[in-house]
Amino acid sequence: MSLGHFRKGWKAMVAGFTMALLIISGGGRHEVTAVEDSYERLKVFTEVLSLIQANYVDETKPRDLIYGGIKGMLETLDPHSSFLSPDIFKEMQVETQGSFGGLGIEITVKDRQLTVVAPIEGTPADRAGLHPGDRIVKIDGNPTKDMTLIEAVKKLRGPKGTSVTLTILREESPGPFELTLVREVIEVKSVRAKDLGDGIAYIRIASFQERTGKDLLKAIEQFQKNGISALVLDLRNDPGGLLNQAVQVSDLFLDKGQLIVYTEGRIKNQDLRFSAEHGAQVPKVPMVVLVNGGSASASEIVAGALQDWKRALVLGTKTFGKGSVQTVIPLSDGSGLRLTTAKYYTPKGRSIHGTGIVPDIIVEAPRPTLAKGQGGQVEKEKEGEAGKERQEGRQERKISEEEGDPNLQIGKRDGPDPSTDVQLKRAMEILKASRILEKGVVKGNAG
């Protein structure tokens, strides 16, 4: 089609749309003017698209050009609104559901190679003997250097019972070797719990997925059987997740009717209020919430609600400050639109957006001294949700083009250790002291 014919067709389409709008809106001039202005601007976009396809030095794919234009449009809004290609949109859905058919390994790109960060305990990858630091050079005979990270993840995942062959390069091995693994349903745990002794329970929420509220309640009920007199809720480096799960988690600790969070948007249907519906389902034992610069979004909602109602003491460093709500909208070709539609506020009307939650007690975590080639979570804490979104923008690059994060720690994740974790140690000291004070008050009243 020539550019002249294209322009004629475009004008006809705009005219037809405008006429239809006049009929629907009863001839309201304001609505028509706004639509005409938008479509006049869109005409420029289609002219550029046509010129690129006709004259650019290399062959181009219309889909890539259009997706690029959409991404650019969303980048003019805010850092949290984004376009999700079909692959990334599907991957996001899997992550929030918390289960998938796969091998049970956490992978990353390091030194331009697909690298195992850690196998998940009890999964096919763990039983097959995959080691942290192993390089996956081929998946079913296909070199991983030519894949994107998202393509590699797709090839590793699949229906339960199907097999996949990995070609592994291990530092101490003389050469590459193959491992064939059978996929299983992998449950991604967002809630982990540990008894710290002396009646203190420790619960960590890594992210807010579809089952987080239920899994948290189950963990607390298990602690109650053994007796629980204090609780540490660890939300450090938790980038957030589903809003309804943040509400469910807060609901476990607050009295019925207490406001948890409210949202305000440009459109009235985005103005929502969420309050505790069931009443506190957890005994009102002394409680400390741990946060840091990697705590964002849903984790800030929980910390803010518990802090406002003085249900828990918040300890650590200031949170990331992502106080906006993103609505994920599926699009017709399998892609998705993540659009900021509202901002949220704590029960006392505090806006967290750009400011974060300031802890009741500030305890800085010391910067770790690590051996060469290793790294902690210091840089990751600073990035928080923004770092996650920048990573999404890089997922279309080939693995051989990515250096990866040189500070990413390779190896199994250690459990909580008060002897090395100064923030956790301080939380335990505060909880023990609060119980002593409570007993003293009770005895004083009895006397």
Protein backbone atom coordinates (compact mmCIF):
# COMPACT_ATOMS: atom_id res chain seq x y z
CA MET A 1 0.00 0.00 0.00
CA SER A 2 1.35 3.46 -0.94
CA LEU A 3 1.63 6.23 1.65
CA GLY A 4 -1.01 8.25 -0.22
CA HIS A 5 -3.52 5.41 -0.14
CA PHE A 6 -2.67 4.80 3.52
CA ARG A 7 -3.41 8.44 4.39
CA LYS A 8 -6.75 8.36 2.56
CA GLY A 9 -7.75 5.21 4.41
CA TRP A 10 -6.71 6.72 7.72
CA LYS A 11 -8.77 9.87 7.14
CA ALA A 12 -11.81 7.79 6.30
CA MET A 13 -11.39 5.73 9.47
CA VAL A 14 -11.04 8.86 11.66
CA ALA A 15 -14.10 10.45 10.01
CA GLY A 16 -16.15 7.32 10.55
CA PHE A 17 -15.08 7.03 14.17
CA THR A 18 -15.85 10.72 14.82
CA MET A 19 -19.34 10.38 13.31
CA ALA A 20 -20.02 7.35 15.49
CA LEU A 21 -18.88 9.24 18.56
CA LEU A 22 -21.18 12.17 17.69
CA ILE A 23 -24.12 9.79 17.64
CA ILE A 24 -23.11 8.04 20.89
CA SER A 25 -22.32 11.20 22.86
CA GLY A 26 -25.20 13.28 21.59
CA GLY A 27 -22.89 15.69 19.76
CA GLY A 28 -20.85 16.75 22.82
CA ARG A 29 -18.16 18.97 21.31
CA HIS A 30 -15.64 18.46 24.12
CA GLU A 31 -15.50 14.65 23.69
CA VAL A 32 -15.16 14.90 19.91
CA THR A 33 -12.33 17.43 20.11
CA ALA A 34 -10.37 15.24 22.53
CA VAL A 35 -10.74 12.16 20.32
CA GLU A 36 -9.86 14.06 17.14
CA ASP A 37 -6.73 15.40 18.81
CA SER A 38 -5.64 11.90 19.89
CA TYR A 39 -6.21 10.44 16.46
CA GLU A 40 -4.39 13.29 14.75
CA ARG A 41 -1.38 12.42 16.87
CA LEU A 42 -1.80 8.74 16.04
CA LYS A 43 -1.66 9.64 12.36
CA VAL A 44 1.92 10.82 12.87
CA PHE A 45 2.76 7.49 14.51
CA THR A 46 1.40 5.50 11.58
CA GLU A 47 3.25 7.75 9.13
CA VAL A 48 6.54 7.03 10.93
CA LEU A 49 5.77 3.31 11.02
CA SER A 50 5.05 3.29 7.29
CA LEU A 51 8.22 5.25 6.48
CA ILE A 52 10.39 2.90 8.56
CA GLN A 53 8.97 -0.18 6.88
CA ALA A 54 9.43 1.34 3.43
CA ASN A 55 12.84 2.99 3.79
CA TYR A 56 14.86 1.69 6.77
CA VAL A 57 18.19 0.16 5.78
CA ASP A 58 17.38 -3.27 7.33
CA GLU A 59 14.25 -5.40 7.31
CA THR A 60 12.02 -4.67 10.28
CA LYS A 61 9.24 -6.58 11.99
CA PRO A 62 6.02 -4.59 12.47
CA ARG A 63 5.41 -6.23 15.84
CA ASP A 64 8.83 -5.15 17.16
CA LEU A 65 8.26 -1.58 15.99
CA ILE A 66 4.77 -1.35 17.49
CA TYR A 67 5.86 -2.94 20.79
CA GLY A 68 8.75 -0.49 20.93
CA GLY A 69 6.38 2.43 20.38
CA ILE A 70 4.07 1.22 23.15
CA LYS A 71 6.99 0.82 25.56
CA GLY A 72 8.18 4.33 24.78
CA MET A 73 4.69 5.72 25.41
CA LEU A 74 4.50 4.08 28.85
CA GLU A 75 7.98 5.25 29.79
CA THR A 76 6.69 8.84 29.64
CA LEU A 77 4.25 8.08 32.51
CA ASP A 78 6.11 6.72 35.54
CA PRO A 79 8.70 4.01 36.35
CA HIS A 80 6.05 1.45 37.33
CA SER A 81 3.78 1.51 34.25
CA SER A 82 5.06 -0.86 31.61
CA PHE A 83 4.19 -3.00 28.60
CA LEU A 84 4.51 -6.77 29.08
CA SER A 85 5.23 -8.81 25.96
CA PRO A 86 3.29 -12.13 25.78
CA ASP A 87 6.26 -14.11 27.20
CA ILE A 88 6.87 -11.73 30.10
CA PHE A 89 3.13 -11.43 30.83
CA LYS A 90 2.80 -15.21 31.02
CA GLU A 91 5.88 -15.45 33.25
CA MET A 92 4.43 -12.82 35.60
CA GLN A 93 1.20 -14.81 35.92
CA VAL A 94 3.19 -17.93 36.82
CA GLU A 95 5.16 -16.04 39.47
CA THR A 96 2.07 -14.67 41.21
CA GLN A 97 0.36 -18.09 41.17
CA GLY A 98 3.38 -19.59 42.94
CA SER A 99 3.45 -23.03 41.24
CA PHE A 100 4.61 -24.40 37.89
CA GLY A 101 5.99 -27.51 36.22
CA GLY A 102 9.76 -27.32 36.31
CA LEU A 103 13.05 -28.43 37.83
CA GLY A 104 13.33 -26.28 40.94
CA ILE A 105 16.37 -24.10 40.29
CA GLU A 106 16.96 -20.39 40.63
CA ILE A 107 18.98 -19.17 37.64
CA THR A 108 20.63 -15.95 36.57
CA VAL A 109 23.06 -14.63 33.99
CA LYS A 110 26.64 -14.32 35.25
CA ASP A 111 29.66 -13.58 33.06
CA ARG A 112 27.55 -14.06 29.91
CA GLN A 113 26.52 -17.59 30.92
CA LEU A 114 23.33 -19.13 32.30
CA THR A 115 24.23 -19.89 35.92
CA VAL A 116 22.58 -21.81 38.75
CA VAL A 117 22.12 -19.58 41.80
CA ALA A 118 20.73 -22.37 43.98
CA PRO A 119 18.57 -25.49 43.68
CA ILE A 120 15.37 -25.50 45.71
CA GLU A 121 15.51 -28.15 48.41
CA GLY A 122 13.67 -31.39 47.61
CA THR A 123 13.17 -30.66 43.88
CA PRO A 124 14.43 -32.57 40.81
CA ALA A 125 17.37 -30.15 40.49
CA ASP A 126 18.36 -30.75 44.13
CA ARG A 127 18.09 -34.55 43.86
CA ALA A 128 20.06 -34.58 40.59
CA GLY A 129 22.95 -32.87 42.35
CA LEU A 130 22.99 -29.50 40.60
CA HIS A 131 25.41 -27.17 42.38
CA PRO A 132 25.32 -23.41 42.92
CA GLY A 133 27.59 -21.89 40.29
CA ASP A 134 26.98 -24.62 37.68
CA ARG A 135 26.84 -23.20 34.14
CA ILE A 136 23.99 -24.49 31.97
CA VAL A 137 25.52 -24.37 28.48
CA LYS A 138 22.77 -26.33 26.67
CA ILE A 139 19.11 -27.18 27.21
CA ASP A 140 18.01 -30.22 25.17
CA GLY A 141 21.01 -29.67 22.91
CA ASN A 142 20.28 -25.99 22.26
CA PRO A 143 23.06 -23.55 23.28
CA THR A 144 21.83 -21.20 25.99
CA LYS A 145 24.12 -18.37 24.83
CA ASP A 146 21.72 -17.75 21.94
CA MET A 147 18.64 -17.56 24.21
CA THR A 148 17.21 -14.75 26.27
CA LEU A 149 16.77 -15.41 29.99
CA ILE A 150 13.01 -15.66 29.54
CA GLU A 151 13.47 -18.20 26.71
CA ALA A 152 15.73 -20.30 28.93
CA VAL A 153 13.13 -20.26 31.72
CA LYS A 154 10.44 -21.38 29.26
CA LYS A 155 12.59 -24.32 28.10
CA LEU A 156 13.28 -25.42 31.66
CA ARG A 157 9.61 -25.35 32.57
CA GLY A 158 7.02 -27.72 31.14
CA PRO A 159 4.33 -30.27 31.99
CA LYS A 160 4.83 -32.54 34.98
CA GLY A 161 6.44 -35.87 34.02
CA THR A 162 8.28 -34.61 30.94
CA SER A 163 12.07 -34.70 30.82
CA VAL A 164 14.73 -32.17 29.91
CA THR A 165 18.46 -32.70 29.36
CA LEU A 166 20.91 -30.11 30.63
CA THR A 167 24.54 -29.82 29.58
CA ILE A 168 26.45 -28.61 32.64
CA LEU A 169 29.86 -27.01 32.94
CA ARG A 170 31.21 -27.26 36.49
CA GLU A 171 34.37 -25.56 37.67
CA GLU A 172 36.02 -28.69 39.11
CA SER A 173 34.92 -31.02 36.27
CA PRO A 174 37.22 -31.86 33.34
CA GLY A 175 34.54 -30.98 30.79
CA PRO A 176 30.80 -30.59 30.14
CA PHE A 177 28.47 -33.39 31.23
CA GLU A 178 24.77 -34.08 30.79
CA LEU A 179 21.99 -34.50 33.34
CA THR A 180 18.46 -35.60 32.43
CA LEU A 181 15.79 -34.45 34.86
CA VAL A 182 12.04 -35.11 35.03
CA ARG A 183 9.86 -32.06 35.68
CA GLU A 184 7.60 -31.87 38.71
CA VAL A 185 5.13 -29.33 40.03
CA ILE A 186 7.28 -26.79 41.86
CA GLU A 187 5.71 -24.89 44.72
CA VAL A 188 7.39 -21.53 45.21
CA LYS A 189 7.27 -20.77 48.92
CA SER A 190 6.66 -17.13 49.69
CA VAL A 191 6.43 -17.87 53.42
CA ARG A 192 9.24 -19.45 55.45
CA ALA A 193 9.19 -20.01 59.20
CA LYS A 194 11.65 -20.93 61.94
CA ASP A 195 11.52 -21.30 65.70
CA LEU A 196 14.22 -19.01 67.13
CA GLY A 197 13.84 -20.50 70.59
CA ASP A 198 12.64 -18.97 73.83
CA GLY A 199 9.09 -18.75 72.43
CA ILE A 200 10.07 -16.41 69.57
CA ALA A 201 8.74 -17.32 66.12
CA TYR A 202 10.37 -16.03 62.93
CA ILE A 203 8.39 -15.74 59.69
CA ARG A 204 9.74 -14.38 56.43
CA ILE A 205 7.56 -13.30 53.49
CA ALA A 206 9.64 -13.20 50.31
CA SER A 207 6.82 -11.89 48.09
CA PHE A 208 3.03 -11.62 48.12
CA GLN A 209 1.61 -14.43 45.96
CA GLU A 210 -1.84 -15.98 45.68
CA ARG A 211 -1.40 -18.27 48.72
CA THR A 212 0.67 -15.99 50.98
CA GLY A 213 -2.11 -15.16 53.46
CA LYS A 214 -3.15 -18.82 53.85
CA ASP A 215 0.44 -20.05 54.13
CA LEU A 216 1.20 -17.42 56.79
CA LEU A 217 -1.83 -18.44 58.87
CA LYS A 218 -0.81 -22.09 58.59
CA ALA A 219 2.73 -21.29 59.79
CA ILE A 220 1.43 -19.29 62.76
CA GLU A 221 -1.05 -22.05 63.73
CA GLN A 222 1.83 -24.51 63.78
CA PHE A 223 3.78 -22.22 66.11
CA GLN A 224 0.74 -21.88 68.37
CA LYS A 225 0.71 -25.64 68.97
CA ASN A 226 4.21 -25.38 70.41
CA GLY A 227 3.52 -22.12 72.25
CA ILE A 228 4.40 -18.70 70.91
CA SER A 229 5.09 -15.63 73.03
CA ALA A 230 6.66 -13.27 70.45
CA LEU A 231 6.90 -12.89 66.67
CA VAL A 232 9.35 -11.49 64.14
CA LEU A 233 7.84 -10.80 60.70
CA ASP A 234 10.65 -10.30 58.16
CA LEU A 235 9.68 -8.20 55.11
CA ARG A 236 13.22 -7.22 54.12
CA ASN A 237 13.93 -7.37 50.38
CA ASP A 238 10.26 -8.19 49.75
CA PRO A 239 9.41 -6.32 46.51
CA GLY A 240 5.66 -6.69 47.03
CA GLY A 241 3.10 -8.47 44.89
CA LEU A 242 -0.65 -8.84 45.14
CA LEU A 243 -2.59 -6.13 46.98
CA ASN A 244 -5.28 -8.53 48.20
CA GLN A 245 -2.60 -10.65 49.88
CA ALA A 246 -1.19 -7.63 51.69
CA VAL A 247 -4.71 -7.04 52.99
CA GLN A 248 -5.10 -10.71 54.04
CA VAL A 249 -1.79 -10.68 55.89
CA SER A 250 -2.64 -7.47 57.75
CA ASP A 251 -6.11 -8.84 58.56
CA LEU A 252 -4.51 -11.65 60.58
CA PHE A 253 -3.09 -9.19 63.12
CA LEU A 254 -5.67 -6.38 63.31
CA ASP A 255 -9.07 -6.09 64.99
CA LYS A 256 -12.23 -6.33 62.91
CA GLY A 257 -13.10 -3.04 61.25
CA GLN A 258 -9.64 -1.50 61.53
CA LEU A 259 -8.61 0.18 58.27
CA ILE A 260 -5.65 -1.49 56.53
CA VAL A 261 -5.12 0.68 53.45
CA TYR A 262 -7.06 2.93 51.11
CA THR A 263 -6.42 3.95 47.51
CA GLU A 264 -7.25 7.11 45.57
CA GLY A 265 -7.14 7.44 41.79
CA ARG A 266 -8.24 9.79 39.03
CA ILE A 267 -11.30 7.63 38.37
CA LYS A 268 -13.77 7.19 41.22
CA ASN A 269 -13.86 3.40 40.96
CA GLN A 270 -10.19 3.40 41.93
CA ASP A 271 -11.05 4.91 45.33
CA LEU A 272 -11.15 1.84 47.56
CA ARG A 273 -10.96 1.11 51.28
CA PHE A 274 -9.76 -2.19 52.76
CA SER A 275 -10.47 -3.01 56.41
CA ALA A 276 -9.92 -6.07 58.59
CA GLU A 277 -12.90 -8.39 58.20
CA HIS A 278 -12.18 -11.34 60.46
CA GLY A 279 -10.66 -9.80 63.54
CA ALA A 280 -7.20 -10.70 64.85
CA GLN A 281 -6.65 -14.40 64.12
CA VAL A 282 -3.23 -14.36 65.78
CA PRO A 283 -2.68 -13.94 69.54
CA LYS A 284 -1.61 -10.40 70.41
CA VAL A 285 1.93 -11.28 71.35
CA PRO A 286 4.76 -8.72 71.09
CA MET A 287 5.74 -8.33 67.46
CA VAL A 288 8.56 -6.75 65.42
CA VAL A 289 8.43 -6.17 61.65
CA LEU A 290 11.81 -6.04 59.88
CA VAL A 291 12.11 -3.78 56.79
CA ASN A 292 14.81 -2.24 54.61
CA GLY A 293 15.31 -0.44 51.32
CA GLY A 294 14.23 -3.54 49.41
CA SER A 295 10.80 -3.63 51.10
CA ALA A 296 8.33 -2.19 48.61
CA SER A 297 4.67 -1.99 47.65
CA ALA A 298 2.63 -4.73 49.39
CA SER A 299 5.24 -5.15 52.14
CA GLU A 300 4.99 -1.41 52.85
CA ILE A 301 1.20 -1.70 53.13
CA VAL A 302 1.58 -4.36 55.84
CA ALA A 303 4.33 -2.50 57.71
CA GLY A 304 2.41 0.80 57.51
CA ALA A 305 -0.86 -0.69 58.78
CA LEU A 306 0.74 -2.52 61.72
CA GLN A 307 2.76 0.59 62.58
CA ASP A 308 -0.22 2.98 62.43
CA TRP A 309 -2.31 0.78 64.71
CA LYS A 310 0.69 0.21 67.04
CA ARG A 311 0.26 -3.53 66.60
CA ALA A 312 3.96 -4.04 65.88
CA LEU A 313 7.26 -2.25 66.19
CA VAL A 314 8.90 -1.60 62.81
CA LEU A 315 12.69 -2.02 62.84
CA GLY A 316 15.41 -1.69 60.20
CA THR A 317 15.95 0.98 57.56
CA LYS A 318 13.57 3.13 55.51
CA THR A 319 11.57 1.21 52.92
CA PHE A 320 11.67 1.77 49.15
CA GLY A 321 8.64 4.05 48.86
CA LYS A 322 6.49 2.53 46.13
CA GLY A 323 3.06 3.80 47.08
CA SER A 324 1.22 3.31 43.82
CA VAL A 325 -1.17 0.64 42.61
CA GLN A 326 -0.66 -1.06 39.25
CA THR A 327 -3.57 -2.66 37.44
CA VAL A 328 -2.52 -5.44 35.05
CA ILE A 329 -4.75 -5.53 31.96
CA PRO A 330 -4.58 -8.44 29.47
CA LEU A 331 -4.39 -7.37 25.81
CA SER A 332 -5.81 -9.11 22.75
CA ASP A 333 -2.52 -10.66 21.51
CA GLY A 334 -1.54 -12.23 24.84
CA SER A 335 0.54 -9.28 25.98
CA GLY A 336 -0.32 -7.17 29.00
CA LEU A 337 -0.43 -3.59 30.22
CA ARG A 338 0.70 -2.73 33.74
CA LEU A 339 -0.74 0.71 34.41
CA THR A 340 -0.54 2.88 37.52
CA THR A 341 -4.17 3.62 38.40
CA ALA A 342 -4.07 4.83 42.00
CA LYS A 343 -1.91 5.70 44.99
CA TYR A 344 -2.33 4.05 48.36
CA TYR A 345 -2.31 5.49 51.85
CA THR A 346 -1.80 4.02 55.31
CA PRO A 347 -4.69 4.04 57.83
CA LYS A 348 -3.54 7.41 59.20
CA GLY A 349 -3.44 8.95 55.72
CA ARG A 350 0.30 8.73 55.11
CA SER A 351 1.36 8.55 51.47
CA ILE A 352 4.32 6.20 51.11
CA HIS A 353 4.98 7.13 47.49
CA GLY A 354 8.54 8.39 47.20
CA THR A 355 9.03 8.58 50.97
CA GLY A 356 8.68 5.03 52.26
CA ILE A 357 8.01 3.78 55.78
CA VAL A 358 10.39 5.13 58.41
CA PRO A 359 11.00 2.45 61.08
CA ASP A 360 10.24 3.10 64.75
CA ILE A 361 13.78 1.94 65.47
CA ILE A 362 16.48 2.43 62.83
CA VAL A 363 19.13 -0.29 62.75
CA GLU A 364 21.54 -0.21 59.83
CA ALA A 365 22.79 -3.52 58.46
CA PRO A 366 26.60 -3.54 58.12
CA ARG A 367 27.94 -3.80 54.60
CA PRO A 368 29.28 -7.34 54.28
CA THR A 369 32.92 -8.01 53.45
CA LEU A 370 32.83 -10.75 50.84
CA ALA A 371 35.29 -12.84 48.97
CA LYS A 372 36.06 -12.02 45.37
CA GLY A 373 33.33 -13.12 43.02
CA GLN A 374 30.66 -13.07 45.71
CA GLY A 375 28.21 -10.43 46.78
CA GLY A 376 25.46 -9.77 49.23
CA GLN A 377 22.15 -8.02 48.85
CA VAL A 378 23.33 -4.48 49.46
CA GLU A 379 22.84 -3.27 45.90
CA LYS A 380 19.65 -5.27 45.52
CA GLU A 381 18.20 -3.63 48.63
CA LYS A 382 18.77 -0.18 47.15
CA GLU A 383 17.12 -1.09 43.88
CA GLY A 384 13.95 -2.61 45.33
CA GLU A 385 11.01 -2.57 42.92
CA ALA A 386 12.77 -0.24 40.51
CA GLY A 387 15.58 -2.75 40.09
CA LYS A 388 13.07 -5.47 39.32
CA GLU A 389 11.46 -3.36 36.61
CA ARG A 390 14.81 -2.47 35.03
CA GLN A 391 15.54 -6.20 34.88
CA GLU A 392 12.28 -6.77 32.99
CA GLY A 393 13.49 -4.34 30.34
CA ARG A 394 16.65 -6.43 29.84
CA GLN A 395 14.98 -9.80 29.50
CA GLU A 396 14.90 -9.62 25.72
CA ARG A 397 18.71 -9.49 25.42
CA LYS A 398 20.59 -12.72 24.69
CA ILE A 399 22.43 -14.39 27.53
CA SER A 400 25.73 -14.01 25.69
CA GLU A 401 25.17 -10.22 25.70
CA GLU A 402 24.61 -9.96 29.46
CA GLU A 403 27.37 -9.58 32.03
CA GLY A 404 24.90 -10.20 34.85
CA ASP A 405 25.05 -8.88 38.39
CA PRO A 406 28.60 -9.31 39.73
CA ASN A 407 27.32 -8.85 43.31
CA LEU A 408 24.73 -11.64 43.16
CA GLN A 409 25.45 -14.27 45.79
CA ILE A 410 25.68 -17.79 44.37
CA GLY A 411 24.71 -20.50 46.82
CA LYS A 412 21.87 -21.76 48.98
CA ARG A 413 20.05 -19.17 50.99
CA ASP A 414 20.89 -19.40 54.68
CA GLY A 415 18.17 -19.26 57.30
CA PRO A 416 17.93 -16.49 59.91
CA ASP A 417 20.98 -16.27 62.16
CA PRO A 418 20.90 -13.70 65.00
CA SER A 419 24.66 -14.05 65.48
CA THR A 420 25.31 -12.49 62.05
CA ASP A 421 22.07 -10.56 61.46
CA VAL A 422 22.24 -7.44 63.65
CA GLN A 423 18.68 -6.36 62.82
CA LEU A 424 17.23 -9.73 63.79
CA LYS A 425 19.39 -9.80 66.93
CA ARG A 426 18.07 -6.37 67.96
CA ALA A 427 14.47 -7.46 67.29
CA MET A 428 14.91 -10.48 69.56
CA GLU A 429 16.40 -8.31 72.32
CA ILE A 430 13.42 -5.95 72.14
CA LEU A 431 10.90 -8.81 72.23
CA LYS A 432 12.57 -10.42 75.23
CA ALA A 433 12.66 -7.07 77.04
CA SER A 434 8.98 -6.40 76.29
CA ARG A 435 7.97 -9.74 77.78
CA ILE A 436 9.95 -9.00 80.93
CA LEU A 437 8.24 -5.62 81.24
CA GLU A 438 4.80 -7.20 80.72
CA LYS A 439 5.44 -9.73 83.48
CA GLY A 440 6.61 -6.95 85.77
CA VAL A 441 3.44 -4.94 85.15
CA VAL A 442 1.24 -7.96 85.83
CA LYS A 443 3.06 -8.74 89.10
CA GLY A 444 2.90 -5.09 90.16
CA ASN A 445 -0.85 -4.98 89.59
CA ALA A 446 -1.35 -8.23 91.47
CA GLY A 447 0.60 -6.88 94.46
